[in-house]
Amino acid sequence: MAPETLKNERPETGTDMFAFGRLVYRTVTRESPIGKLSKAELVRLAEEGRIPTLDWSRVPESMPFLRPAKVVCEMCVTSKLCDRASAAEVEAFLLQNEPEGEVNSSADERLLSILQEVLHSKGKHSFHTTKRTLSSL
């Protein structure tokens, strides 16, 4: 959950971008972006203006999507709503930074499917609609 949601603030478009960044992380690493933290611990971090650090150490450096995935997460997973990238900014970054190498793992294929779905929606659907679509992958 985004920090503003944990603090019972009204969600905004940036809240969806936070969720998108977390979804990218989970897809690439197959790990929870919050680790084993409880909701109470997450609320405390949110109130302190902090978020759990994303651990990329188990992802092979040779994965074609690793660098773009890390950058997307840096763009989207920030503690301050105003610091998050917009969907248009993420799209522009992804279009300029195609992965190097071949897509050769199930994680690569899942992430490629997610990014293609998000890019092709181009604002026609809300992030929540896209998220429902992705859950069927």
Protein backbone atom coordinates (compact mmCIF):
# COMPACT_ATOMS: atom_id res chain seq x y z
CA MET A 1 0.00 0.00 0.00
CA ALA A 2 1.12 3.52 -0.75
CA PRO A 3 2.09 5.66 2.24
CA GLU A 4 -0.85 8.02 1.74
CA THR A 5 -3.24 5.06 1.82
CA LEU A 6 -1.67 3.78 5.03
CA LYS A 7 -2.18 7.25 6.54
CA ASN A 8 -5.86 7.22 5.49
CA GLU A 9 -5.34 10.04 3.01
CA ARG A 10 -7.26 10.28 -0.22
CA PRO A 11 -5.65 8.22 -3.02
CA GLU A 12 -4.60 10.02 -6.19
CA THR A 13 -3.15 8.99 -9.55
CA GLY A 14 0.29 8.83 -7.95
CA THR A 15 -1.06 6.19 -5.59
CA ASP A 16 -1.64 3.95 -8.61
CA MET A 17 1.89 4.67 -9.84
CA PHE A 18 3.25 3.54 -6.47
CA ALA A 19 1.25 0.31 -6.87
CA PHE A 20 2.55 -0.10 -10.42
CA GLY A 21 6.15 0.23 -9.22
CA ARG A 22 5.52 -2.37 -6.53
CA LEU A 23 3.90 -4.65 -9.11
CA VAL A 24 6.97 -4.37 -11.33
CA TYR A 25 9.21 -5.23 -8.35
CA ARG A 26 7.08 -8.24 -7.39
CA THR A 27 6.99 -9.50 -10.97
CA VAL A 28 10.75 -9.29 -11.41
CA THR A 29 11.83 -10.58 -8.00
CA ARG A 30 8.89 -12.85 -7.11
CA GLU A 31 9.18 -11.38 -3.63
CA SER A 32 6.93 -9.14 -1.60
CA PRO A 33 8.07 -5.51 -1.73
CA ILE A 34 7.24 -5.15 1.96
CA GLY A 35 9.03 -8.27 3.14
CA LYS A 36 7.63 -9.51 6.42
CA LEU A 37 6.63 -6.11 7.77
CA SER A 38 3.28 -5.90 9.52
CA LYS A 39 0.67 -3.30 8.63
CA ALA A 40 1.47 -1.49 11.90
CA GLU A 41 5.14 -1.30 10.90
CA LEU A 42 4.19 -0.02 7.45
CA VAL A 43 1.96 2.66 8.98
CA ARG A 44 4.80 3.74 11.29
CA LEU A 45 7.19 4.00 8.34
CA ALA A 46 4.60 5.99 6.35
CA GLU A 47 4.13 8.41 9.23
CA GLU A 48 7.92 8.85 9.36
CA GLY A 49 7.98 9.56 5.62
CA ARG A 50 9.81 6.32 4.82
CA ILE A 51 9.08 3.19 2.80
CA PRO A 52 10.65 -0.29 2.87
CA THR A 53 13.78 -0.59 0.74
CA LEU A 54 13.43 -2.80 -2.31
CA ASP A 55 15.98 -5.65 -2.32
CA TRP A 56 17.19 -6.50 -5.82
CA SER A 57 20.12 -8.67 -4.68
CA ARG A 58 18.60 -12.00 -5.75
CA VAL A 59 17.90 -10.94 -9.32
CA PRO A 60 20.62 -11.98 -11.81
CA GLU A 61 22.37 -8.97 -13.33
CA SER A 62 21.99 -10.63 -16.74
CA MET A 63 18.20 -10.27 -16.69
CA PRO A 64 17.27 -8.04 -19.67
CA PHE A 65 14.61 -6.10 -17.77
CA LEU A 66 16.57 -5.51 -14.57
CA ARG A 67 17.87 -2.00 -15.23
CA PRO A 68 14.59 -0.63 -16.64
CA ALA A 69 12.63 -2.32 -13.82
CA LYS A 70 14.86 -0.73 -11.18
CA VAL A 71 14.47 2.70 -12.78
CA VAL A 72 10.69 2.34 -13.04
CA CYS A 73 10.58 1.42 -9.36
CA GLU A 74 12.75 4.42 -8.48
CA MET A 75 10.38 6.62 -10.50
CA CYS A 76 7.22 5.24 -8.89
CA VAL A 77 8.02 3.90 -5.42
CA THR A 78 8.72 7.06 -3.45
CA SER A 79 7.43 8.08 -0.06
CA LYS A 80 6.16 11.46 -1.31
CA LEU A 81 3.26 11.47 -3.72
CA CYS A 82 4.56 14.59 -5.45
CA ASP A 83 7.88 12.86 -6.26
CA ARG A 84 6.31 10.00 -8.25
CA ALA A 85 6.46 9.81 -12.00
CA SER A 86 3.31 10.01 -14.06
CA ALA A 87 2.19 7.19 -16.33
CA ALA A 88 3.29 9.29 -19.31
CA GLU A 89 6.79 9.71 -17.85
CA VAL A 90 7.10 5.97 -17.20
CA GLU A 91 5.83 5.21 -20.69
CA ALA A 92 8.35 7.61 -22.25
CA PHE A 93 11.18 6.03 -20.25
CA LEU A 94 10.17 2.49 -21.24
CA LEU A 95 9.84 3.38 -24.91
CA GLN A 96 13.36 4.85 -24.86
CA ASN A 97 14.90 1.98 -22.89
CA GLU A 98 14.08 -1.30 -24.53
CA PRO A 99 15.69 -4.27 -22.75
CA GLU A 100 19.01 -5.58 -23.97
CA GLY A 101 19.43 -9.25 -24.75
CA GLU A 102 16.75 -11.84 -25.28
CA VAL A 103 13.63 -12.40 -23.26
CA ASN A 104 14.48 -15.84 -21.95
CA SER A 105 12.79 -16.47 -18.62
CA SER A 106 9.27 -16.66 -17.30
CA ALA A 107 9.91 -13.52 -15.20
CA ASP A 108 11.04 -11.66 -18.33
CA GLU A 109 7.95 -12.81 -20.20
CA ARG A 110 5.59 -11.81 -17.35
CA LEU A 111 7.14 -8.36 -17.07
CA LEU A 112 7.04 -7.89 -20.84
CA SER A 113 3.33 -8.78 -20.82
CA ILE A 114 2.66 -6.31 -18.00
CA LEU A 115 4.55 -3.48 -19.65
CA GLN A 116 2.89 -4.11 -23.00
CA GLU A 117 -0.56 -4.09 -21.41
CA VAL A 118 0.13 -0.84 -19.58
CA LEU A 119 1.65 0.83 -22.64
CA HIS A 120 -1.19 -0.25 -24.91
CA SER A 121 -3.87 0.98 -22.52
CA LYS A 122 -2.43 4.54 -22.87
CA GLY A 123 -4.88 5.99 -20.42
CA LYS A 124 -7.94 4.28 -21.88
CA HIS A 125 -8.38 2.34 -18.67
CA SER A 126 -7.60 3.08 -15.10
CA PHE A 127 -4.65 1.35 -13.48
CA HIS A 128 -7.14 -0.79 -11.53
CA THR A 129 -8.60 -2.11 -14.80
CA THR A 130 -5.10 -2.88 -16.05
CA LYS A 131 -4.28 -4.58 -12.75
CA ARG A 132 -7.34 -6.85 -13.14
CA THR A 133 -6.20 -7.72 -16.66
CA LEU A 134 -2.70 -8.51 -15.41
CA SER A 135 -3.97 -10.85 -12.72
CA SER A 136 -5.15 -13.17 -15.49
CA LEU A 137 -1.62 -13.55 -16.93
